[in-house]
C-alpha cells in the first residue's frame, strides 16, 4: 500500500496525523489569517494557506475541505484571537459545514 499525496488525498477525510501534518498554521500563517476581516474569511484564508502549501494550488471549492480540517483550523485561529472573534469563528465553522 503506497502513501499518496496531492489535492485529492489532502481533501480526504482527515485523521489526527493528517490534521497536524497538513492543516496546522505556522505563527506566520496565523498572523496572515488574522489580517482577514471576519471569521468566515479567516477560516477560508487558513484553509487556502494550508491547501496551497500542501498542493501548490488553492482549493477550488471550500466544501471539499474536510469538516475535521475546518474545525482544526478554527481551534487554532481561536488561540490567536480575542473571545469576540472566537465566537464568530465558531459560527463561521458551522456555516462552512452547512455548505458542504
PDB file of N, CA and C in Angstrom:
ATOM      1  N   UNK A   1       0.838  -1.172   0.000  1.00  0.00           N
ATOM      2  CA  UNK A   1       0.000   0.000   0.000  1.00  0.00           C
ATOM      3  C   UNK A   1       0.888   1.242   0.000  1.00  0.00           C
ATOM      4  N   UNK A   2       0.716   2.107  -0.957  1.00  0.00           N
ATOM      5  CA  UNK A   2       1.542   3.303  -1.050  1.00  0.00           C
ATOM      6  C   UNK A   2       0.803   4.502  -0.466  1.00  0.00           C
ATOM      7  N   UNK A   3       1.580   5.455  -0.013  1.00  0.00           N
ATOM      8  CA  UNK A   3       1.004   6.686   0.520  1.00  0.00           C
ATOM      9  C   UNK A   3       0.966   7.694  -0.611  1.00  0.00           C
ATOM     10  N   UNK A   4      -0.227   8.197  -0.905  1.00  0.00           N
ATOM     11  CA  UNK A   4      -0.386   9.180  -1.968  1.00  0.00           C
ATOM     12  C   UNK A   4      -0.441  10.569  -1.361  1.00  0.00           C
ATOM     13  N   UNK A   5      -0.043  11.545  -2.144  1.00  0.00           N
ATOM     14  CA  UNK A   5      -0.191  12.926  -1.718  1.00  0.00           C
ATOM     15  C   UNK A   5      -0.752  13.721  -2.876  1.00  0.00           C
ATOM     16  N   UNK A   6      -1.256  14.881  -2.575  1.00  0.00           N
ATOM     17  CA  UNK A   6      -1.838  15.720  -3.599  1.00  0.00           C
ATOM     18  C   UNK A   6      -3.192  16.225  -3.169  1.00  0.00           C
ATOM     19  N   UNK A   7      -3.865  16.966  -4.063  1.00  0.00           N
ATOM     20  CA  UNK A   7      -5.122  17.591  -3.699  1.00  0.00           C
ATOM     21  C   UNK A   7      -6.191  16.607  -3.251  1.00  0.00           C
ATOM     22  N   UNK A   8      -6.314  15.463  -3.924  1.00  0.00           N
ATOM     23  CA  UNK A   8      -7.378  14.526  -3.571  1.00  0.00           C
ATOM     24  C   UNK A   8      -7.165  13.904  -2.199  1.00  0.00           C
ATOM     25  N   UNK A   9      -5.924  13.537  -1.875  1.00  0.00           N
ATOM     26  CA  UNK A   9      -5.689  12.945  -0.561  1.00  0.00           C
ATOM     27  C   UNK A   9      -5.731  14.009   0.522  1.00  0.00           C
ATOM     28  N   UNK A  10      -5.329  15.223   0.209  1.00  0.00           N
ATOM     29  CA  UNK A  10      -5.406  16.302   1.186  1.00  0.00           C
ATOM     30  C   UNK A  10      -6.855  16.578   1.557  1.00  0.00           C
ATOM     31  N   UNK A  11      -7.742  16.483   0.589  1.00  0.00           N
ATOM     32  CA  UNK A  11      -9.142  16.781   0.824  1.00  0.00           C
ATOM     33  C   UNK A  11      -9.911  15.584   1.371  1.00  0.00           C
ATOM     34  N   UNK A  12      -9.262  14.435   1.485  1.00  0.00           N
ATOM     35  CA  UNK A  12      -9.926  13.255   2.041  1.00  0.00           C
ATOM     36  C   UNK A  12     -10.185  13.477   3.521  1.00  0.00           C
ATOM     37  N   UNK A  13     -11.054  12.667   4.074  1.00  0.00           N
ATOM     38  CA  UNK A  13     -11.344  12.757   5.500  1.00  0.00           C
ATOM     39  C   UNK A  13     -10.033  12.763   6.278  1.00  0.00           C
ATOM     40  N   UNK A  14      -9.917  13.680   7.197  1.00  0.00           N
ATOM     41  CA  UNK A  14      -8.646  13.911   7.872  1.00  0.00           C
ATOM     42  C   UNK A  14      -8.575  13.195   9.210  1.00  0.00           C
ATOM     43  N   UNK A  15      -7.563  12.337   9.371  1.00  0.00           N
ATOM     44  CA  UNK A  15      -7.271  11.739  10.660  1.00  0.00           C
ATOM     45  C   UNK A  15      -6.408  12.701  11.460  1.00  0.00           C
ATOM     46  N   UNK A  16      -6.164  12.382  12.720  1.00  0.00           N
ATOM     47  CA  UNK A  16      -5.405  13.284  13.592  1.00  0.00           C
ATOM     48  C   UNK A  16      -4.010  13.589  13.038  1.00  0.00           C
ATOM     49  N   UNK A  17      -3.289  12.581  12.549  1.00  0.00           N
ATOM     50  CA  UNK A  17      -1.952  12.823  11.987  1.00  0.00           C
ATOM     51  C   UNK A  17      -2.019  13.719  10.761  1.00  0.00           C
ATOM     52  N   UNK A  18      -2.991  13.471   9.905  1.00  0.00           N
ATOM     53  CA  UNK A  18      -3.146  14.282   8.696  1.00  0.00           C
ATOM     54  C   UNK A  18      -3.518  15.720   9.059  1.00  0.00           C
ATOM     55  N   UNK A  19      -4.354  15.882  10.085  1.00  0.00           N
ATOM     56  CA  UNK A  19      -4.709  17.235  10.526  1.00  0.00           C
ATOM     57  C   UNK A  19      -3.461  18.014  10.930  1.00  0.00           C
ATOM     58  N   UNK A  20      -2.644  17.391  11.744  1.00  0.00           N
ATOM     59  CA  UNK A  20      -1.435  18.066  12.225  1.00  0.00           C
ATOM     60  C   UNK A  20      -0.474  18.337  11.080  1.00  0.00           C
ATOM     61  N   UNK A  21      -0.310  17.372  10.191  1.00  0.00           N
ATOM     62  CA  UNK A  21       0.660  17.498   9.095  1.00  0.00           C
ATOM     63  C   UNK A  21       0.227  18.527   8.049  1.00  0.00           C
ATOM     64  N   UNK A  22      -1.039  18.500   7.644  1.00  0.00           N
ATOM     65  CA  UNK A  22      -1.480  19.324   6.514  1.00  0.00           C
ATOM     66  C   UNK A  22      -2.297  20.554   6.891  1.00  0.00           C
ATOM     67  N   UNK A  23      -2.866  20.576   8.074  1.00  0.00           N
ATOM     68  CA  UNK A  23      -3.812  21.645   8.407  1.00  0.00           C
ATOM     69  C   UNK A  23      -3.388  22.440   9.636  1.00  0.00           C
ATOM     70  N   UNK A  24      -2.099  22.511   9.929  1.00  0.00           N
ATOM     71  CA  UNK A  24      -1.612  23.299  11.060  1.00  0.00           C
ATOM     72  C   UNK A  24      -1.071  24.632  10.568  1.00  0.00           C
ATOM     73  N   UNK A  25      -1.366  25.678  11.319  1.00  0.00           N
ATOM     74  CA  UNK A  25      -0.910  27.017  10.972  1.00  0.00           C
ATOM     75  C   UNK A  25       0.416  27.316  11.659  1.00  0.00           C
ATOM     76  N   UNK A  26       1.347  27.855  10.904  1.00  0.00           N
ATOM     77  CA  UNK A  26       2.585  28.352  11.498  1.00  0.00           C
ATOM     78  C   UNK A  26       2.271  29.707  12.135  1.00  0.00           C
ATOM     79  N   UNK A  27       3.157  30.228  12.978  1.00  0.00           N
ATOM     80  CA  UNK A  27       2.921  31.573  13.518  1.00  0.00           C
ATOM     81  C   UNK A  27       2.755  32.623  12.411  1.00  0.00           C
ATOM     82  N   UNK A  28       3.527  32.498  11.336  1.00  0.00           N
ATOM     83  CA  UNK A  28       3.389  33.435  10.213  1.00  0.00           C
ATOM     84  C   UNK A  28       2.030  33.272   9.538  1.00  0.00           C
ATOM     85  N   UNK A  29       1.563  32.016   9.385  1.00  0.00           N
ATOM     86  CA  UNK A  29       0.230  31.770   8.822  1.00  0.00           C
ATOM     87  C   UNK A  29      -0.839  32.433   9.680  1.00  0.00           C
ATOM     88  N   UNK A  30      -0.742  32.230  10.999  1.00  0.00           N
ATOM     89  CA  UNK A  30      -1.743  32.782  11.919  1.00  0.00           C
ATOM     90  C   UNK A  30      -1.783  34.305  11.822  1.00  0.00           C
ATOM     91  N   UNK A  31      -0.619  34.933  11.716  1.00  0.00           N
ATOM     92  CA  UNK A  31      -0.572  36.391  11.580  1.00  0.00           C
ATOM     93  C   UNK A  31      -1.256  36.835  10.292  1.00  0.00           C
ATOM     94  N   UNK A  32      -1.034  36.103   9.208  1.00  0.00           N
ATOM     95  CA  UNK A  32      -1.671  36.434   7.928  1.00  0.00           C
ATOM     96  C   UNK A  32      -3.181  36.220   7.999  1.00  0.00           C
ATOM     97  N   UNK A  33      -3.602  35.124   8.609  1.00  0.00           N
ATOM     98  CA  UNK A  33      -5.031  34.817   8.737  1.00  0.00           C
ATOM     99  C   UNK A  33      -5.739  35.909   9.528  1.00  0.00           C
ATOM    100  N   UNK A  34      -5.115  36.404  10.589  1.00  0.00           N
ATOM    101  CA  UNK A  34      -5.740  37.439  11.420  1.00  0.00           C
ATOM    102  C   UNK A  34      -5.901  38.764  10.690  1.00  0.00           C
ATOM    103  N   UNK A  35      -5.221  38.943   9.578  1.00  0.00           N
ATOM    104  CA  UNK A  35      -5.390  40.164   8.776  1.00  0.00           C
ATOM    105  C   UNK A  35      -6.707  40.161   8.018  1.00  0.00           C
ATOM    106  N   UNK A  36      -7.277  38.990   7.786  1.00  0.00           N
ATOM    107  CA  UNK A  36      -8.547  38.889   7.057  1.00  0.00           C
ATOM    108  C   UNK A  36      -9.679  39.430   7.928  1.00  0.00           C
ATOM    109  N   UNK A  37     -10.661  40.050   7.298  1.00  0.00           N
ATOM    110  CA  UNK A  37     -11.789  40.613   8.038  1.00  0.00           C
ATOM    111  C   UNK A  37     -12.918  39.605   8.119  1.00  0.00           C
ATOM    112  N   UNK A  38     -13.369  39.359   9.324  1.00  0.00           N
ATOM    113  CA  UNK A  38     -14.495  38.460   9.533  1.00  0.00           C
ATOM    114  C   UNK A  38     -14.052  37.026   9.739  1.00  0.00           C
ATOM    115  N   UNK A  39     -14.779  36.347  10.599  1.00  0.00           N
ATOM    116  CA  UNK A  39     -14.424  34.972  10.958  1.00  0.00           C
ATOM    117  C   UNK A  39     -14.464  34.030   9.764  1.00  0.00           C
ATOM    118  N   UNK A  40     -15.472  34.170   8.920  1.00  0.00           N
ATOM    119  CA  UNK A  40     -15.573  33.309   7.746  1.00  0.00           C
ATOM    120  C   UNK A  40     -14.390  33.483   6.813  1.00  0.00           C
ATOM    121  N   UNK A  41     -13.987  34.728   6.613  1.00  0.00           N
ATOM    122  CA  UNK A  41     -12.825  34.992   5.756  1.00  0.00           C
ATOM    123  C   UNK A  41     -11.549  34.436   6.377  1.00  0.00           C
ATOM    124  N   UNK A  42     -11.456  34.511   7.704  1.00  0.00           N
ATOM    125  CA  UNK A  42     -10.270  33.960   8.367  1.00  0.00           C
ATOM    126  C   UNK A  42     -10.171  32.451   8.149  1.00  0.00           C
ATOM    127  N   UNK A  43     -11.304  31.762   8.292  1.00  0.00           N
ATOM    128  CA  UNK A  43     -11.288  30.309   8.072  1.00  0.00           C
ATOM    129  C   UNK A  43     -10.940  29.966   6.629  1.00  0.00           C
ATOM    130  N   UNK A  44     -11.525  30.692   5.693  1.00  0.00           N
ATOM    131  CA  UNK A  44     -11.226  30.418   4.280  1.00  0.00           C
ATOM    132  C   UNK A  44      -9.763  30.719   3.970  1.00  0.00           C
ATOM    133  N   UNK A  45      -9.246  31.802   4.538  1.00  0.00           N
ATOM    134  CA  UNK A  45      -7.832  32.146   4.338  1.00  0.00           C
ATOM    135  C   UNK A  45      -6.935  31.038   4.892  1.00  0.00           C
ATOM    136  N   UNK A  46      -7.249  30.560   6.094  1.00  0.00           N
ATOM    137  CA  UNK A  46      -6.457  29.486   6.704  1.00  0.00           C
ATOM    138  C   UNK A  46      -6.509  28.222   5.850  1.00  0.00           C
ATOM    139  N   UNK A  47      -7.701  27.876   5.368  1.00  0.00           N
ATOM    140  CA  UNK A  47      -7.847  26.683   4.528  1.00  0.00           C
ATOM    141  C   UNK A  47      -7.048  26.832   3.235  1.00  0.00           C
ATOM    142  N   UNK A  48      -7.089  28.020   2.635  1.00  0.00           N
ATOM    143  CA  UNK A  48      -6.357  28.235   1.391  1.00  0.00           C
ATOM    144  C   UNK A  48      -4.842  28.195   1.620  1.00  0.00           C
ATOM    145  N   UNK A  49      -4.372  28.778   2.714  1.00  0.00           N
ATOM    146  CA  UNK A  49      -2.932  28.730   3.006  1.00  0.00           C
ATOM    147  C   UNK A  49      -2.442  27.290   3.146  1.00  0.00           C
ATOM    148  N   UNK A  50      -3.189  26.491   3.892  1.00  0.00           N
ATOM    149  CA  UNK A  50      -2.779  25.096   4.103  1.00  0.00           C
ATOM    150  C   UNK A  50      -2.869  24.289   2.814  1.00  0.00           C
ATOM    151  N   UNK A  51      -3.916  24.525   2.032  1.00  0.00           N
ATOM    152  CA  UNK A  51      -4.067  23.817   0.762  1.00  0.00           C
ATOM    153  C   UNK A  51      -2.949  24.200  -0.200  1.00  0.00           C
ATOM    154  N   UNK A  52      -2.656  25.491  -0.289  1.00  0.00           N
ATOM    155  CA  UNK A  52      -1.592  25.965  -1.178  1.00  0.00           C
ATOM    156  C   UNK A  52      -0.238  25.381  -0.783  1.00  0.00           C
ATOM    157  N   UNK A  53       0.060  25.377   0.498  1.00  0.00           N
ATOM    158  CA  UNK A  53       1.343  24.846   0.968  1.00  0.00           C
ATOM    159  C   UNK A  53       1.479  23.357   0.635  1.00  0.00           C
ATOM    160  N   UNK A  54       0.395  22.602   0.787  1.00  0.00           N
ATOM    161  CA  UNK A  54       0.459  21.153   0.587  1.00  0.00           C
ATOM    162  C   UNK A  54       0.384  20.729  -0.878  1.00  0.00           C
ATOM    163  N   UNK A  55      -0.357  21.491  -1.690  1.00  0.00           N
ATOM    164  CA  UNK A  55      -0.604  21.042  -3.065  1.00  0.00           C
ATOM    165  C   UNK A  55      -0.020  21.946  -4.141  1.00  0.00           C
ATOM    166  N   UNK A  56       0.378  23.157  -3.754  1.00  0.00           N
ATOM    167  CA  UNK A  56       0.885  24.091  -4.746  1.00  0.00           C
ATOM    168  C   UNK A  56      -0.208  24.844  -5.471  1.00  0.00           C
ATOM    169  N   UNK A  57      -1.448  24.685  -5.033  1.00  0.00           N
ATOM    170  CA  UNK A  57      -2.566  25.423  -5.631  1.00  0.00           C
ATOM    171  C   UNK A  57      -3.639  25.673  -4.580  1.00  0.00           C
ATOM    172  N   UNK A  58      -4.534  26.594  -4.909  1.00  0.00           N
ATOM    173  CA  UNK A  58      -5.633  26.909  -3.999  1.00  0.00           C
ATOM    174  C   UNK A  58      -6.770  25.910  -4.172  1.00  0.00           C
ATOM    175  N   UNK A  59      -7.580  25.760  -3.139  1.00  0.00           N
ATOM    176  CA  UNK A  59      -8.763  24.893  -3.213  1.00  0.00           C
ATOM    177  C   UNK A  59      -9.807  25.573  -4.095  1.00  0.00           C
ATOM    178  N   UNK A  60     -10.342  24.840  -5.061  1.00  0.00           N
ATOM    179  CA  UNK A  60     -11.360  25.393  -5.949  1.00  0.00           C
ATOM    180  C   UNK A  60     -12.720  25.480  -5.261  1.00  0.00           C
ATOM    181  N   UNK A  61     -12.998  24.556  -4.358  1.00  0.00           N
ATOM    182  CA  UNK A  61     -14.285  24.520  -3.661  1.00  0.00           C
ATOM    183  C   UNK A  61     -14.042  24.288  -2.174  1.00  0.00           C
ATOM    184  N   UNK A  62     -14.585  25.166  -1.338  1.00  0.00           N
ATOM    185  CA  UNK A  62     -14.398  25.020   0.108  1.00  0.00           C
ATOM    186  C   UNK A  62     -15.080  23.788   0.653  1.00  0.00           C
ATOM    187  N   UNK A  63     -16.147  23.349   0.016  1.00  0.00           N
ATOM    188  CA  UNK A  63     -16.857  22.173   0.549  1.00  0.00           C
ATOM    189  C   UNK A  63     -16.030  20.897   0.420  1.00  0.00           C
ATOM    190  N   UNK A  64     -14.942  20.945  -0.336  1.00  0.00           N
ATOM    191  CA  UNK A  64     -14.048  19.783  -0.425  1.00  0.00           C
ATOM    192  C   UNK A  64     -13.075  19.721   0.747  1.00  0.00           C
ATOM    193  N   UNK A  65     -12.972  20.815   1.505  1.00  0.00           N
ATOM    194  CA  UNK A  65     -12.119  20.807   2.700  1.00  0.00           C
ATOM    195  C   UNK A  65     -12.841  19.994   3.770  1.00  0.00           C
ATOM    196  N   UNK A  66     -12.205  18.963   4.316  1.00  0.00           N
ATOM    197  CA  UNK A  66     -12.876  18.109   5.307  1.00  0.00           C
ATOM    198  C   UNK A  66     -13.342  18.908   6.524  1.00  0.00           C
ATOM    199  N   UNK A  67     -14.544  18.608   7.026  1.00  0.00           N
ATOM    200  CA  UNK A  67     -15.040  19.310   8.217  1.00  0.00           C
ATOM    201  C   UNK A  67     -14.067  19.234   9.392  1.00  0.00           C
ATOM    202  N   UNK A  68     -13.366  18.103   9.518  1.00  0.00           N
ATOM    203  CA  UNK A  68     -12.391  17.965  10.600  1.00  0.00           C
ATOM    204  C   UNK A  68     -11.274  19.000  10.457  1.00  0.00           C
ATOM    205  N   UNK A  69     -10.878  19.276   9.215  1.00  0.00           N
ATOM    206  CA  UNK A  69      -9.823  20.257   8.966  1.00  0.00           C
ATOM    207  C   UNK A  69     -10.317  21.665   9.293  1.00  0.00           C
ATOM    208  N   UNK A  70     -11.561  21.965   8.922  1.00  0.00           N
ATOM    209  CA  UNK A  70     -12.136  23.278   9.232  1.00  0.00           C
ATOM    210  C   UNK A  70     -12.173  23.483  10.744  1.00  0.00           C
ATOM    211  N   UNK A  71     -12.608  22.458  11.458  1.00  0.00           N
ATOM    212  CA  UNK A  71     -12.666  22.538  12.916  1.00  0.00           C
ATOM    213  C   UNK A  71     -11.270  22.726  13.510  1.00  0.00           C
ATOM    214  N   UNK A  72     -10.297  21.996  12.986  1.00  0.00           N
ATOM    215  CA  UNK A  72      -8.910  22.102  13.455  1.00  0.00           C
ATOM    216  C   UNK A  72      -8.377  23.517  13.212  1.00  0.00           C
ATOM    217  N   UNK A  73      -8.647  24.072  12.040  1.00  0.00           N
ATOM    218  CA  UNK A  73      -8.206  25.430  11.727  1.00  0.00           C
ATOM    219  C   UNK A  73      -8.895  26.450  12.626  1.00  0.00           C
ATOM    220  N   UNK A  74     -10.179  26.251  12.890  1.00  0.00           N
ATOM    221  CA  UNK A  74     -10.912  27.177  13.761  1.00  0.00           C
ATOM    222  C   UNK A  74     -10.343  27.152  15.177  1.00  0.00           C
ATOM    223  N   UNK A  75     -10.019  25.956  15.674  1.00  0.00           N
ATOM    224  CA  UNK A  75      -9.424  25.861  17.019  1.00  0.00           C
ATOM    225  C   UNK A  75      -8.099  26.616  17.073  1.00  0.00           C
ATOM    226  N   UNK A  76      -7.291  26.470  16.033  1.00  0.00           N
ATOM    227  CA  UNK A  76      -6.012  27.177  16.005  1.00  0.00           C
ATOM    228  C   UNK A  76      -6.218  28.685  15.931  1.00  0.00           C
ATOM    229  N   UNK A  77      -7.175  29.103  15.113  1.00  0.00           N
ATOM    230  CA  UNK A  77      -7.442  30.530  14.946  1.00  0.00           C
ATOM    231  C   UNK A  77      -7.941  31.147  16.242  1.00  0.00           C
ATOM    232  N   UNK A  78      -8.743  30.403  16.994  1.00  0.00           N
ATOM    233  CA  UNK A  78      -9.266  30.920  18.267  1.00  0.00           C
ATOM    234  C   UNK A  78      -8.144  31.178  19.266  1.00  0.00           C
ATOM    235  N   UNK A  79      -7.076  30.411  19.193  1.00  0.00           N
ATOM    236  CA  UNK A  79      -5.949  30.632  20.107  1.00  0.00           C
ATOM    237  C   UNK A  79      -5.279  31.976  19.855  1.00  0.00           C
ATOM    238  N   UNK A  80      -5.432  32.507  18.645  1.00  0.00           N
ATOM    239  CA  UNK A  80      -4.740  33.735  18.260  1.00  0.00           C
ATOM    240  C   UNK A  80      -5.642  34.963  18.259  1.00  0.00           C
ATOM    241  N   UNK A  81      -6.865  34.839  18.789  1.00  0.00           N
ATOM    242  CA  UNK A  81      -7.773  35.977  18.740  1.00  0.00           C
ATOM    243  C   UNK A  81      -8.513  36.136  20.065  1.00  0.00           C
ATOM    244  N   UNK A  82      -9.227  37.245  20.203  1.00  0.00           N
ATOM    245  CA  UNK A  82      -9.945  37.508  21.444  1.00  0.00           C
ATOM    246  C   UNK A  82     -11.263  36.725  21.490  1.00  0.00           C
ATOM    247  N   UNK A  83     -11.989  36.804  22.597  1.00  0.00           N
ATOM    248  CA  UNK A  83     -13.188  35.984  22.784  1.00  0.00           C
ATOM    249  C   UNK A  83     -14.308  36.356  21.818  1.00  0.00           C
ATOM    250  N   UNK A  84     -14.443  37.623  21.440  1.00  0.00           N
ATOM    251  CA  UNK A  84     -15.486  38.011  20.489  1.00  0.00           C
ATOM    252  C   UNK A  84     -15.211  37.387  19.125  1.00  0.00           C
ATOM    253  N   UNK A  85     -13.960  37.444  18.681  1.00  0.00           N
ATOM    254  CA  UNK A  85     -13.594  36.813  17.411  1.00  0.00           C
ATOM    255  C   UNK A  85     -13.818  35.307  17.490  1.00  0.00           C
ATOM    256  N   UNK A  86     -13.513  34.724  18.633  1.00  0.00           N
ATOM    257  CA  UNK A  86     -13.675  33.286  18.821  1.00  0.00           C
ATOM    258  C   UNK A  86     -15.122  32.867  18.601  1.00  0.00           C
ATOM    259  N   UNK A  87     -16.063  33.625  19.142  1.00  0.00           N
ATOM    260  CA  UNK A  87     -17.489  33.326  18.956  1.00  0.00           C
ATOM    261  C   UNK A  87     -17.845  33.341  17.468  1.00  0.00           C
ATOM    262  N   UNK A  88     -17.352  34.332  16.739  1.00  0.00           N
ATOM    263  CA  UNK A  88     -17.644  34.429  15.308  1.00  0.00           C
ATOM    264  C   UNK A  88     -16.990  33.295  14.517  1.00  0.00           C
ATOM    265  N   UNK A  89     -15.828  32.826  14.949  1.00  0.00           N
ATOM    266  CA  UNK A  89     -15.190  31.687  14.285  1.00  0.00           C
ATOM    267  C   UNK A  89     -16.023  30.423  14.444  1.00  0.00           C
ATOM    268  N   UNK A  90     -16.616  30.229  15.619  1.00  0.00           N
ATOM    269  CA  UNK A  90     -17.484  29.065  15.827  1.00  0.00           C
ATOM    270  C   UNK A  90     -18.669  29.140  14.874  1.00  0.00           C
ATOM    271  N   UNK A  91     -19.286  30.310  14.762  1.00  0.00           N
ATOM    272  CA  UNK A  91     -20.414  30.474  13.840  1.00  0.00           C
ATOM    273  C   UNK A  91     -19.979  30.229  12.398  1.00  0.00           C
ATOM    274  N   UNK A  92     -18.818  30.729  12.017  1.00  0.00           N
ATOM    275  CA  UNK A  92     -18.326  30.534  10.649  1.00  0.00           C
ATOM    276  C   UNK A  92     -18.031  29.069  10.372  1.00  0.00           C
ATOM    277  N   UNK A  93     -17.523  28.351  11.365  1.00  0.00           N
ATOM    278  CA  UNK A  93     -17.259  26.922  11.202  1.00  0.00           C
ATOM    279  C   UNK A  93     -18.547  26.182  10.901  1.00  0.00           C
ATOM    280  N   UNK A  94     -19.592  26.477  11.663  1.00  0.00           N
ATOM    281  CA  UNK A  94     -20.883  25.828  11.425  1.00  0.00           C
ATOM    282  C   UNK A  94     -21.432  26.194  10.047  1.00  0.00           C
ATOM    283  N   UNK A  95     -21.244  27.436   9.629  1.00  0.00           N
ATOM    284  CA  UNK A  95     -21.718  27.860   8.313  1.00  0.00           C
ATOM    285  C   UNK A  95     -20.983  27.120   7.202  1.00  0.00           C
ATOM    286  N   UNK A  96     -19.661  26.943   7.339  1.00  0.00           N
ATOM    287  CA  UNK A  96     -18.905  26.214   6.317  1.00  0.00           C
ATOM    288  C   UNK A  96     -19.326  24.756   6.260  1.00  0.00           C
ATOM    289  N   UNK A  97     -19.628  24.150   7.403  1.00  0.00           N
ATOM    290  CA  UNK A  97     -20.085  22.762   7.409  1.00  0.00           C
ATOM    291  C   UNK A  97     -21.426  22.628   6.705  1.00  0.00           C
ATOM    292  N   UNK A  98     -22.307  23.618   6.899  1.00  0.00           N
ATOM    293  CA  UNK A  98     -23.621  23.556   6.243  1.00  0.00           C
ATOM    294  C   UNK A  98     -23.481  23.646   4.732  1.00  0.00           C
ATOM    295  N   UNK A  99     -22.448  24.338   4.248  1.00  0.00           N
ATOM    296  CA  UNK A  99     -22.235  24.469   2.801  1.00  0.00           C
ATOM    297  C   UNK A  99     -21.745  23.171   2.183  1.00  0.00           C
ATOM    298  N   UNK A 100     -21.160  22.315   2.991  1.00  0.00           N
ATOM    299  CA  UNK A 100     -20.563  21.075   2.471  1.00  0.00           C
ATOM    300  C   UNK A 100     -21.602  20.055   2.089  1.00  0.00           C
TER     301      UNK A 100
END
